[in-house]
Amino acid sequence: MAKKNRKQKTIKQLKKMKKLTLLLILGFGVLMAMAQEESKNEEISTIFSKSRSNGGYGAISFSYTQLDGKDAFMMGARGSWIIDHSFAIGLGGCGFVNDLNHHHWMDNDLTYNLAGGYGGIYLEPIIGPRLPVHISFPVLFGVGGITNIANGNWENNWMFDNGNEDEFLIMEPAVELEFNMTRHMRLAGSFGYRFTSDIEMDNTNPDVLEGFNVGIVLKFGKF
C-alpha cells in the first residue's frame, strides 16, 4: 500500500511539473520572438553561418532565500553557450544551507540544519543583449538532494544523518537584470522561484524547498 501511494504521489508530481514545463515552453516562444525582433530584417542565417556570432560564459552566483521560514544561503555556478547573443544553453548547479533549528530532541543541544544541492540544464533567452542594461530569463530544469545535518554542540562537531534525506526534481525560472560592465564581464541582479517535487523527510514540509530567492550573478566570457 505504501509503495502504491508513493507511486500515485510521484505521478501527480510529474503531472504538475509537466504543466509548468508546457507553460514555460510557451513563454520561451514569446521571449525568443522578442529576442530576434532586432534582426528580423536581416537575411536568414543558419547556426553555422558566418554572419551569426556565438560565444559563451561562465558564472558564479550568490543568493539569499528562506527554507521553512528560516534564512538560507545559496551559492551556484554555471557555464553556457550563447547563440547569436540572444539565447544561451548550458549546465549548472547550486548548493544551499540554512541555520534552521529543524526540530529538538528531548530539549538537548542537538540542532539541525537543512543542506543540499541541485543541478541540471539552463535555458536562457536574452532580451536586448547589446544594450548596456538588459534582461534575461534563465530557467533551470534539474534534480537534487536534501538532508538534515545534525549539529551536536555537546560534541562541537557536525554529524551527518543518512537516515533523513531525499531526492527531488526542480524547475527554477528566474529573471536577471544585467549590466554590461565591460565587453567580457556582466553583473546581474537575480530574482527567481523554485518549484520542486515533494520532499519526503521526517518533520519536514513537502514543499520546504519551494520559494523565492534573490541574489547577484557575475558572468565572464564572450557575449
Foldseek 3Di string as FASTA:
>chain_A
DVVVVVVVLVVVLVVVVVVVVVVVVVVVVVLVCQQCVVVPPPDDDDQPDPVKDKKKKKKKKWKWDDFPNFTKIKIKIWIWIGTRLFKIKTKMKMKMKTPDQLDDDPPDQKGKIKIKMKMAMKIKTWHPRVDQKGKIKIKTWIKMKMFIWIQHVVVRDIHGDPVFMDMKTKMKIKMWIWGCPDQFKIKIKIKIWIDMRFGDGPSHGGCRPTDMMIIMMIMGMHD
